[in-house]
C-alpha atoms as a PDB file:
ATOM      1  CA  MET A   1       0.086   0.625  -0.257  1.00  0.00           C
ATOM      2  CA  ALA A   2       0.742   3.386  -1.095  1.00  0.00           C
ATOM      3  CA  ASN A   3       1.939   6.075   1.800  1.00  0.00           C
ATOM      4  CA  HIS A   4       0.581   9.250   1.857  1.00  0.00           C
ATOM      5  CA  ARG A   5       1.993  12.683   3.067  1.00  0.00           C
ATOM      6  CA  ILE A   6      -0.482  14.821   4.686  1.00  0.00           C
ATOM      7  CA  ILE A   7      -0.682  18.083   6.424  1.00  0.00           C
ATOM      8  CA  LEU A   8      -3.003  18.976   8.951  1.00  0.00           C
ATOM      9  CA  THR A   9      -3.538  21.048  12.049  1.00  0.00           C
ATOM     10  CA  ILE A  10      -3.571  19.105  15.472  1.00  0.00           C
ATOM     11  CA  ASN A  11      -4.438  21.255  18.479  1.00  0.00           C
ATOM     12  CA  GLY A  12      -3.226  24.444  17.053  1.00  0.00           C
ATOM     13  CA  GLU A  13      -0.068  22.850  15.634  1.00  0.00           C
ATOM     14  CA  THR A  14       0.938  22.275  11.965  1.00  0.00           C
ATOM     15  CA  GLU A  15       1.626  18.384  11.347  1.00  0.00           C
ATOM     16  CA  GLN A  16       2.988  16.780   8.097  1.00  0.00           C
ATOM     17  CA  VAL A  17       2.377  13.128   8.838  1.00  0.00           C
ATOM     18  CA  GLU A  18       2.793   9.666   6.613  1.00  0.00           C
ATOM     19  CA  VAL A  19      -0.005   7.890   6.578  1.00  0.00           C
ATOM     20  CA  PRO A  20      -0.962   4.576   4.699  1.00  0.00           C
ATOM     21  CA  SER A  21      -3.911   4.562   2.727  1.00  0.00           C
ATOM     22  CA  GLN A  22      -5.974   2.354   5.006  1.00  0.00           C
ATOM     23  CA  MET A  23      -5.250   4.021   8.099  1.00  0.00           C
ATOM     24  CA  THR A  24      -7.699   6.342  10.255  1.00  0.00           C
ATOM     25  CA  LEU A  25      -7.933   9.473  12.067  1.00  0.00           C
ATOM     26  CA  LEU A  26      -8.051   7.449  15.302  1.00  0.00           C
ATOM     27  CA  GLN A  27      -5.227   5.006  14.588  1.00  0.00           C
ATOM     28  CA  MET A  28      -2.992   7.980  13.317  1.00  0.00           C
ATOM     29  CA  LEU A  29      -3.956  10.164  16.666  1.00  0.00           C
ATOM     30  CA  ARG A  30      -2.962   7.471  18.803  1.00  0.00           C
ATOM     31  CA  GLU A  31      -0.027   5.479  16.761  1.00  0.00           C
ATOM     32  CA  LYS A  32       1.363   8.442  15.100  1.00  0.00           C
ATOM     33  CA  LEU A  33       1.300  11.380  17.101  1.00  0.00           C
ATOM     34  CA  ALA A  34       0.893  10.304  20.513  1.00  0.00           C
ATOM     35  CA  PHE A  35      -3.021  11.471  21.287  1.00  0.00           C
ATOM     36  CA  THR A  36      -3.824   8.680  23.217  1.00  0.00           C
ATOM     37  CA  GLY A  37      -6.763  10.639  24.554  1.00  0.00           C
ATOM     38  CA  THR A  38      -8.765   9.576  21.843  1.00  0.00           C
ATOM     39  CA  LYS A  39      -9.860   6.402  22.892  1.00  0.00           C
ATOM     40  CA  ASN A  40     -10.900   3.562  20.465  1.00  0.00           C
ATOM     41  CA  GLY A  41     -13.891   1.913  21.922  1.00  0.00           C
ATOM     42  CA  CYS A  42     -15.769   0.222  18.822  1.00  0.00           C
ATOM     43  CA  MET A  43     -13.911   1.172  15.235  1.00  0.00           C
ATOM     44  CA  ALA A  44     -17.155   0.916  13.985  1.00  0.00           C
ATOM     45  CA  GLY A  45     -18.688   4.456  14.531  1.00  0.00           C
ATOM     46  CA  GLU A  46     -21.386   3.830  17.256  1.00  0.00           C
ATOM     47  CA  CYS A  47     -20.097   4.486  20.795  1.00  0.00           C
ATOM     48  CA  GLY A  48     -18.773   7.517  20.474  1.00  0.00           C
ATOM     49  CA  ALA A  49     -15.198   7.157  22.610  1.00  0.00           C
ATOM     50  CA  CYS A  50     -12.968   8.536  19.602  1.00  0.00           C
ATOM     51  CA  THR A  51     -14.942  11.741  19.050  1.00  0.00           C
ATOM     52  CA  VAL A  52     -13.063  14.668  17.894  1.00  0.00           C
ATOM     53  CA  LEU A  53     -13.689  17.735  15.802  1.00  0.00           C
ATOM     54  CA  MET A  54     -12.403  17.875  12.044  1.00  0.00           C
ATOM     55  CA  ASP A  55     -12.889  21.830  11.079  1.00  0.00           C
ATOM     56  CA  GLY A  56     -15.227  22.708  13.489  1.00  0.00           C
ATOM     57  CA  GLU A  57     -17.958  19.108  13.390  1.00  0.00           C
ATOM     58  CA  PRO A  58     -17.818  16.145  15.787  1.00  0.00           C
ATOM     59  CA  VAL A  59     -16.570  13.164  13.938  1.00  0.00           C
ATOM     60  CA  ASN A  60     -16.189   9.481  14.829  1.00  0.00           C
ATOM     61  CA  SER A  61     -12.182   9.534  13.920  1.00  0.00           C
ATOM     62  CA  CYS A  62     -12.516   5.508  13.375  1.00  0.00           C
ATOM     63  CA  MET A  63     -14.610   6.243  10.370  1.00  0.00           C
ATOM     64  CA  VAL A  64     -12.748   8.961   8.938  1.00  0.00           C
ATOM     65  CA  LEU A  65      -9.436   7.989   7.356  1.00  0.00           C
ATOM     66  CA  ALA A  66      -6.173   9.441   7.603  1.00  0.00           C
ATOM     67  CA  VAL A  67      -5.756  10.959   4.069  1.00  0.00           C
ATOM     68  CA  GLU A  68      -9.084  12.661   4.251  1.00  0.00           C
ATOM     69  CA  CYS A  69      -7.953  14.851   6.892  1.00  0.00           C
ATOM     70  CA  HIS A  70      -5.170  17.054   4.133  1.00  0.00           C
ATOM     71  CA  GLY A  71      -5.563  20.316   5.018  1.00  0.00           C
ATOM     72  CA  SER A  72      -8.379  19.966   7.925  1.00  0.00           C
ATOM     73  CA  THR A  73      -8.018  21.207  11.813  1.00  0.00           C
ATOM     74  CA  ILE A  74      -8.591  18.480  13.863  1.00  0.00           C
ATOM     75  CA  ILE A  75      -9.046  19.385  17.941  1.00  0.00           C
ATOM     76  CA  THR A  76      -8.870  16.212  20.367  1.00  0.00           C
ATOM     77  CA  VAL A  77      -9.352  15.808  24.074  1.00  0.00           C
ATOM     78  CA  GLU A  78      -5.628  17.353  24.334  1.00  0.00           C
ATOM     79  CA  GLY A  79      -6.478  20.271  22.880  1.00  0.00           C
ATOM     80  CA  LEU A  80      -9.399  21.689  25.174  1.00  0.00           C
ATOM     81  CA  ALA A  81      -7.692  22.912  27.804  1.00  0.00           C
ATOM     82  CA  LYS A  82      -5.689  26.209  26.996  1.00  0.00           C
ATOM     83  CA  ASP A  83      -2.227  27.718  29.017  1.00  0.00           C
ATOM     84  CA  GLY A  84      -2.818  25.154  31.841  1.00  0.00           C
ATOM     85  CA  VAL A  85      -6.905  26.111  32.345  1.00  0.00           C
ATOM     86  CA  LEU A  86      -9.448  23.852  31.689  1.00  0.00           C
ATOM     87  CA  HIS A  87     -12.018  24.135  29.226  1.00  0.00           C
ATOM     88  CA  PRO A  88     -15.671  24.897  31.574  1.00  0.00           C
ATOM     89  CA  VAL A  89     -17.174  21.728  30.174  1.00  0.00           C
ATOM     90  CA  GLN A  90     -13.720  19.654  31.194  1.00  0.00           C
ATOM     91  CA  GLN A  91     -13.962  21.738  34.704  1.00  0.00           C
ATOM     92  CA  THR A  92     -17.293  20.989  35.199  1.00  0.00           C
ATOM     93  CA  ILE A  93     -17.648  17.043  34.205  1.00  0.00           C
ATOM     94  CA  ILE A  94     -14.880  16.604  37.029  1.00  0.00           C
ATOM     95  CA  GLU A  95     -16.904  18.706  39.624  1.00  0.00           C
ATOM     96  CA  HIS A  96     -20.300  17.374  38.721  1.00  0.00           C
ATOM     97  CA  GLY A  97     -18.661  13.793  39.131  1.00  0.00           C
ATOM     98  CA  GLY A  98     -19.677  13.056  35.729  1.00  0.00           C
ATOM     99  CA  VAL A  99     -16.278  10.634  35.088  1.00  0.00           C
ATOM    100  CA  GLN A 100     -16.182   7.540  36.541  1.00  0.00           C
ATOM    101  CA  CYS A 101     -14.418   4.637  34.493  1.00  0.00           C
ATOM    102  CA  GLY A 102     -13.122   7.968  32.214  1.00  0.00           C
ATOM    103  CA  PHE A 103     -13.094   6.107  28.337  1.00  0.00           C
ATOM    104  CA  CYS A 104     -16.124   8.016  27.004  1.00  0.00           C
ATOM    105  CA  THR A 105     -15.117  11.161  28.274  1.00  0.00           C
ATOM    106  CA  PRO A 106     -12.839  12.682  25.817  1.00  0.00           C
ATOM    107  CA  GLY A 107     -15.663  11.891  23.144  1.00  0.00           C
ATOM    108  CA  MET A 108     -18.175  13.237  25.712  1.00  0.00           C
ATOM    109  CA  LEU A 109     -15.724  16.167  26.434  1.00  0.00           C
ATOM    110  CA  ILE A 110     -15.305  17.168  22.176  1.00  0.00           C
ATOM    111  CA  SER A 111     -18.988  16.411  21.485  1.00  0.00           C
ATOM    112  CA  ALA A 112     -19.913  18.924  24.330  1.00  0.00           C
ATOM    113  CA  ARG A 113     -17.720  21.674  23.403  1.00  0.00           C
ATOM    114  CA  ALA A 114     -18.676  21.237  19.881  1.00  0.00           C
ATOM    115  CA  LEU A 115     -22.680  22.009  21.149  1.00  0.00           C
ATOM    116  CA  LEU A 116     -21.433  24.997  23.121  1.00  0.00           C
ATOM    117  CA  ASP A 117     -19.621  26.309  20.242  1.00  0.00           C
ATOM    118  CA  ARG A 118     -22.819  26.477  18.261  1.00  0.00           C
ATOM    119  CA  ASN A 119     -25.301  26.840  21.219  1.00  0.00           C
ATOM    120  CA  ALA A 120     -24.537  29.230  23.975  1.00  0.00           C
ATOM    121  CA  ASP A 121     -27.681  28.410  25.976  1.00  0.00           C
ATOM    122  CA  PRO A 122     -28.712  24.809  24.940  1.00  0.00           C
ATOM    123  CA  SER A 123     -31.665  22.773  26.662  1.00  0.00           C
ATOM    124  CA  GLU A 124     -31.271  19.745  28.408  1.00  0.00           C
ATOM    125  CA  GLU A 125     -32.818  18.173  25.135  1.00  0.00           C
ATOM    126  CA  ASP A 126     -30.215  19.747  23.116  1.00  0.00           C
ATOM    127  CA  ILE A 127     -27.909  18.267  25.234  1.00  0.00           C
ATOM    128  CA  ARG A 128     -29.389  14.681  25.673  1.00  0.00           C
ATOM    129  CA  GLU A 129     -29.374  15.159  21.151  1.00  0.00           C
ATOM    130  CA  ALA A 130     -25.914  16.385  21.309  1.00  0.00           C
ATOM    131  CA  LEU A 131     -24.398  13.326  23.176  1.00  0.00           C
ATOM    132  CA  VAL A 132     -26.460  10.301  21.917  1.00  0.00           C
ATOM    133  CA  GLY A 133     -23.576   9.082  19.914  1.00  0.00           C
ATOM    134  CA  ASN A 134     -21.544   8.841  22.968  1.00  0.00           C
ATOM    135  CA  LEU A 135     -22.272   5.775  24.557  1.00  0.00           C
ATOM    136  CA  CYS A 136     -21.699   5.935  29.255  1.00  0.00           C
ATOM    137  CA  ARG A 137     -21.696   2.544  30.817  1.00  0.00           C
ATOM    138  CA  CYS A 138     -21.025   4.176  34.074  1.00  0.00           C
ATOM    139  CA  THR A 139     -22.784   7.259  35.136  1.00  0.00           C
ATOM    140  CA  GLY A 140     -26.290   7.239  33.729  1.00  0.00           C
ATOM    141  CA  TYR A 141     -25.636  10.650  32.261  1.00  0.00           C
ATOM    142  CA  ILE A 142     -27.357  13.221  34.272  1.00  0.00           C
ATOM    143  CA  ARG A 143     -24.242  14.199  35.818  1.00  0.00           C
ATOM    144  CA  ILE A 144     -22.442  14.788  32.251  1.00  0.00           C
ATOM    145  CA  ILE A 145     -25.414  16.715  31.100  1.00  0.00           C
ATOM    146  CA  ASP A 146     -25.536  18.674  34.780  1.00  0.00           C
ATOM    147  CA  SER A 147     -22.301  19.463  33.506  1.00  0.00           C
ATOM    148  CA  VAL A 148     -22.709  20.590  30.464  1.00  0.00           C
ATOM    149  CA  ARG A 149     -25.502  22.601  31.393  1.00  0.00           C
ATOM    150  CA  ASP A 150     -22.943  24.301  34.042  1.00  0.00           C
ATOM    151  CA  ALA A 151     -20.034  25.026  31.743  1.00  0.00           C
ATOM    152  CA  ALA A 152     -22.632  26.741  29.299  1.00  0.00           C
ATOM    153  CA  GLU A 153     -23.551  28.841  31.953  1.00  0.00           C
ATOM    154  CA  ARG A 154     -19.879  29.304  32.712  1.00  0.00           C
ATOM    155  CA  GLN A 155     -19.637  30.385  29.132  1.00  0.00           C
ATOM    156  CA  GLN A 156     -22.125  32.902  29.384  1.00  0.00           C
ATOM    157  CA  VAL A 157     -21.059  34.416  32.682  1.00  0.00           C
ATOM    158  CA  LEU A 158     -17.397  34.538  30.674  1.00  0.00           C
ATOM    159  CA  SER A 159     -18.228  36.546  28.119  1.00  0.00           C
ATOM    160  CA  LEU A 160     -20.551  39.456  29.406  1.00  0.00           C
END
C-alpha cells in the first residue's frame, strides 16, 4: 500500500504525517502522533469514544481515513485546555462527578464542546441530542448533562 504525506493542524500545531491509505484518523492520532486521549472503543462509529472535532464538527475518528484529513483542523481532547486552564466543560464534568471509568469522557467532552460552540444556551433536550452518539456505561448521563448545562452558564458569564 502506498503512503501519503498529509498536512493538517492538530490542536493548533501543524503536523506533516506519512500515512497508509487505509489508516484511520483514530489510528494516526494514537499511533503516529501519540494523542492517546482519543479512545478506541468500537471501530464501528457506534460508541463515540473516538470523537474529535474536524473543521469544527464532531466526527467519529474511527470512521474517517487519515488521508481525508489533509488540510483539515483537528481538535482532540488534549486540545481543549488552553495555557493550563481547563475548558469549562472539562472543569464542570470533574465538579459534577461526570467521570467514572473515564473511557467515554474524551468523546463526551468533544461533543459537549461542539454543542457549546454552536449553541451558547442549550436546553436539556439539546444536550441529550448532542451526546446521543456517545455511550457511557457508568454514569447514567445525569451528571454529564448537568456538567454541560453548568459549563454553558459559565461560558455565558465569561462572555459578558
